[in-house]
């Protein structure tokens, strides 16, 4: 591997580890907060809609690259 690839890999791994650390820290900090059933439903709907929108945008990207 070239030196540039190692730098990119190190930067990506650094961002991944920082994200995991911040997520874990937030989880432990807010672990005593009660979450209701409605909150879980809202989070599930939000995640599903985000996934649906992202899949639609990727499909449009592929469609537009094949039809000029």
N, C-alpha and C. Protein backbone atom coordinates (compact mmCIF):
# COMPACT_ATOMS: atom_id res chain seq x y z
N UNK A 1 0.84 -1.19 0.00
CA UNK A 1 0.00 0.00 0.00
C UNK A 1 0.88 1.25 0.00
N UNK A 2 0.37 2.28 -0.63
CA UNK A 2 1.09 3.54 -0.68
C UNK A 2 0.91 4.29 0.64
N UNK A 3 1.76 5.27 0.85
CA UNK A 3 1.70 6.05 2.09
C UNK A 3 0.37 6.80 2.21
N UNK A 4 -0.15 7.29 1.08
CA UNK A 4 -1.42 8.00 1.10
C UNK A 4 -2.57 7.11 1.55
N UNK A 5 -2.54 5.85 1.12
CA UNK A 5 -3.58 4.91 1.54
C UNK A 5 -3.52 4.65 3.03
N UNK A 6 -2.31 4.56 3.58
CA UNK A 6 -2.17 4.35 5.03
C UNK A 6 -2.69 5.55 5.81
N UNK A 7 -2.45 6.74 5.29
CA UNK A 7 -2.93 7.95 5.97
C UNK A 7 -4.46 7.99 5.96
N UNK A 8 -5.05 7.66 4.82
CA UNK A 8 -6.51 7.63 4.73
C UNK A 8 -7.08 6.57 5.66
N UNK A 9 -6.47 5.39 5.68
CA UNK A 9 -6.93 4.32 6.56
C UNK A 9 -6.83 4.73 8.01
N UNK A 10 -5.73 5.36 8.40
CA UNK A 10 -5.55 5.81 9.79
C UNK A 10 -6.59 6.87 10.15
N UNK A 11 -6.87 7.79 9.22
CA UNK A 11 -7.86 8.83 9.48
C UNK A 11 -9.25 8.23 9.65
N UNK A 12 -9.61 7.28 8.79
CA UNK A 12 -10.92 6.64 8.89
C UNK A 12 -11.06 5.83 10.17
N UNK A 13 -10.01 5.10 10.53
CA UNK A 13 -10.06 4.34 11.78
C UNK A 13 -10.12 5.26 12.99
N UNK A 14 -9.44 6.40 12.92
CA UNK A 14 -9.52 7.38 14.00
C UNK A 14 -10.92 7.94 14.15
N UNK A 15 -11.57 8.25 13.02
CA UNK A 15 -12.94 8.75 13.08
C UNK A 15 -13.90 7.69 13.59
N UNK A 16 -13.69 6.43 13.19
CA UNK A 16 -14.53 5.35 13.68
C UNK A 16 -14.38 5.17 15.18
N UNK A 17 -13.15 5.18 15.67
CA UNK A 17 -12.95 5.00 17.11
C UNK A 17 -13.50 6.18 17.89
N UNK A 18 -13.37 7.40 17.36
CA UNK A 18 -13.94 8.57 18.04
C UNK A 18 -15.46 8.48 18.09
N UNK A 19 -16.07 8.02 17.01
CA UNK A 19 -17.52 7.88 16.97
C UNK A 19 -17.99 6.83 17.97
N UNK A 20 -17.29 5.71 18.05
CA UNK A 20 -17.65 4.67 19.01
C UNK A 20 -17.49 5.18 20.43
N UNK A 21 -16.39 5.90 20.71
CA UNK A 21 -16.15 6.40 22.05
C UNK A 21 -17.21 7.42 22.45
N UNK A 22 -17.55 8.36 21.56
CA UNK A 22 -18.57 9.37 21.86
C UNK A 22 -19.93 8.71 22.05
N UNK A 23 -20.27 7.74 21.20
CA UNK A 23 -21.54 7.04 21.34
C UNK A 23 -21.64 6.29 22.66
N UNK A 24 -20.56 5.62 23.04
CA UNK A 24 -20.54 4.90 24.32
C UNK A 24 -20.66 5.87 25.49
N UNK A 25 -19.95 6.98 25.41
CA UNK A 25 -19.99 7.98 26.48
C UNK A 25 -21.39 8.56 26.62
N UNK A 26 -22.04 8.88 25.51
CA UNK A 26 -23.40 9.40 25.57
C UNK A 26 -24.38 8.36 26.10
N UNK A 27 -24.17 7.11 25.73
CA UNK A 27 -25.04 6.04 26.20
C UNK A 27 -24.93 5.90 27.72
N UNK A 28 -23.72 5.93 28.24
CA UNK A 28 -23.52 5.80 29.68
C UNK A 28 -24.00 7.05 30.43
N UNK A 29 -23.86 8.21 29.81
CA UNK A 29 -24.28 9.45 30.46
C UNK A 29 -25.80 9.53 30.58
N UNK A 30 -26.50 9.06 29.57
CA UNK A 30 -27.96 9.18 29.55
C UNK A 30 -28.66 7.87 29.87
N UNK A 31 -27.98 6.92 30.49
CA UNK A 31 -28.58 5.61 30.72
C UNK A 31 -29.68 5.63 31.78
N UNK A 32 -29.73 6.67 32.61
CA UNK A 32 -30.75 6.71 33.65
C UNK A 32 -32.03 7.42 33.21
N UNK A 33 -32.10 7.87 31.96
CA UNK A 33 -33.28 8.54 31.44
C UNK A 33 -34.26 7.49 30.91
N UNK A 34 -35.51 7.59 31.35
CA UNK A 34 -36.53 6.64 30.92
C UNK A 34 -36.99 6.98 29.50
N UNK A 35 -37.12 5.95 28.66
CA UNK A 35 -37.58 6.13 27.29
C UNK A 35 -38.91 5.39 27.16
N UNK A 36 -39.93 6.12 26.70
CA UNK A 36 -41.26 5.51 26.60
C UNK A 36 -41.40 4.70 25.31
N UNK A 37 -42.51 3.99 25.23
CA UNK A 37 -42.78 3.17 24.05
C UNK A 37 -42.97 4.05 22.81
N UNK A 38 -43.58 5.22 23.00
CA UNK A 38 -43.77 6.14 21.87
C UNK A 38 -42.44 6.64 21.33
N UNK A 39 -41.46 6.82 22.21
CA UNK A 39 -40.14 7.25 21.76
C UNK A 39 -39.49 6.19 20.89
N UNK A 40 -39.61 4.93 21.29
CA UNK A 40 -39.04 3.84 20.49
C UNK A 40 -39.74 3.74 19.13
N UNK A 41 -41.05 3.94 19.12
CA UNK A 41 -41.79 3.91 17.86
C UNK A 41 -41.34 5.05 16.95
N UNK A 42 -41.18 6.25 17.51
CA UNK A 42 -40.73 7.40 16.72
C UNK A 42 -39.32 7.17 16.17
N UNK A 43 -38.44 6.60 16.99
CA UNK A 43 -37.08 6.32 16.51
C UNK A 43 -37.09 5.29 15.39
N UNK A 44 -37.93 4.26 15.52
CA UNK A 44 -38.04 3.24 14.48
C UNK A 44 -38.57 3.80 13.18
N UNK A 45 -39.61 4.64 13.27
CA UNK A 45 -40.16 5.25 12.07
C UNK A 45 -39.14 6.18 11.42
N UNK A 46 -38.42 6.94 12.23
CA UNK A 46 -37.39 7.83 11.70
C UNK A 46 -36.28 7.06 11.00
N UNK A 47 -35.84 5.96 11.60
CA UNK A 47 -34.79 5.15 10.99
C UNK A 47 -35.27 4.52 9.69
N UNK A 48 -36.51 4.02 9.68
CA UNK A 48 -37.06 3.41 8.47
C UNK A 48 -37.21 4.43 7.35
N UNK A 49 -37.69 5.63 7.67
CA UNK A 49 -37.83 6.66 6.64
C UNK A 49 -36.47 7.12 6.12
N UNK A 50 -35.50 7.23 7.00
CA UNK A 50 -34.15 7.60 6.56
C UNK A 50 -33.58 6.56 5.61
N UNK A 51 -33.78 5.29 5.93
CA UNK A 51 -33.31 4.22 5.06
C UNK A 51 -34.04 4.24 3.72
N UNK A 52 -35.34 4.46 3.76
CA UNK A 52 -36.13 4.52 2.53
C UNK A 52 -35.68 5.67 1.63
N UNK A 53 -35.47 6.84 2.22
CA UNK A 53 -35.04 8.00 1.44
C UNK A 53 -33.65 7.77 0.86
N UNK A 54 -32.74 7.21 1.66
CA UNK A 54 -31.38 6.98 1.15
C UNK A 54 -31.38 5.95 0.04
N UNK A 55 -32.18 4.90 0.15
CA UNK A 55 -32.26 3.91 -0.93
C UNK A 55 -32.85 4.53 -2.19
N UNK A 56 -33.84 5.38 -2.04
CA UNK A 56 -34.42 6.06 -3.19
C UNK A 56 -33.42 6.99 -3.87
N UNK A 57 -32.62 7.70 -3.08
CA UNK A 57 -31.63 8.59 -3.67
C UNK A 57 -30.53 7.81 -4.39
N UNK A 58 -30.11 6.69 -3.84
CA UNK A 58 -29.11 5.86 -4.51
C UNK A 58 -29.69 5.29 -5.80
N UNK A 59 -30.96 4.88 -5.78
CA UNK A 59 -31.60 4.37 -7.00
C UNK A 59 -31.65 5.46 -8.07
N UNK A 60 -31.98 6.68 -7.67
CA UNK A 60 -31.98 7.79 -8.63
C UNK A 60 -30.59 8.07 -9.17
N UNK A 61 -29.59 7.93 -8.34
CA UNK A 61 -28.21 8.13 -8.78
C UNK A 61 -27.84 7.11 -9.85
N UNK A 62 -28.15 5.84 -9.62
CA UNK A 62 -27.85 4.81 -10.61
C UNK A 62 -28.67 5.02 -11.88
N UNK A 63 -29.94 5.40 -11.72
CA UNK A 63 -30.80 5.61 -12.89
C UNK A 63 -30.28 6.77 -13.74
N UNK A 64 -29.87 7.85 -13.10
CA UNK A 64 -29.41 9.01 -13.86
C UNK A 64 -28.05 8.76 -14.50
N UNK A 65 -27.24 7.89 -13.94
CA UNK A 65 -25.94 7.62 -14.55
C UNK A 65 -26.07 6.72 -15.77
N UNK A 66 -27.14 5.97 -15.88
CA UNK A 66 -27.34 5.09 -17.04
C UNK A 66 -28.11 5.77 -18.16
N UNK A 67 -28.91 6.77 -17.83
CA UNK A 67 -29.72 7.48 -18.84
C UNK A 67 -29.23 8.92 -18.91
N UNK A 68 -28.58 9.24 -20.02
CA UNK A 68 -28.04 10.60 -20.15
C UNK A 68 -28.99 11.51 -20.86
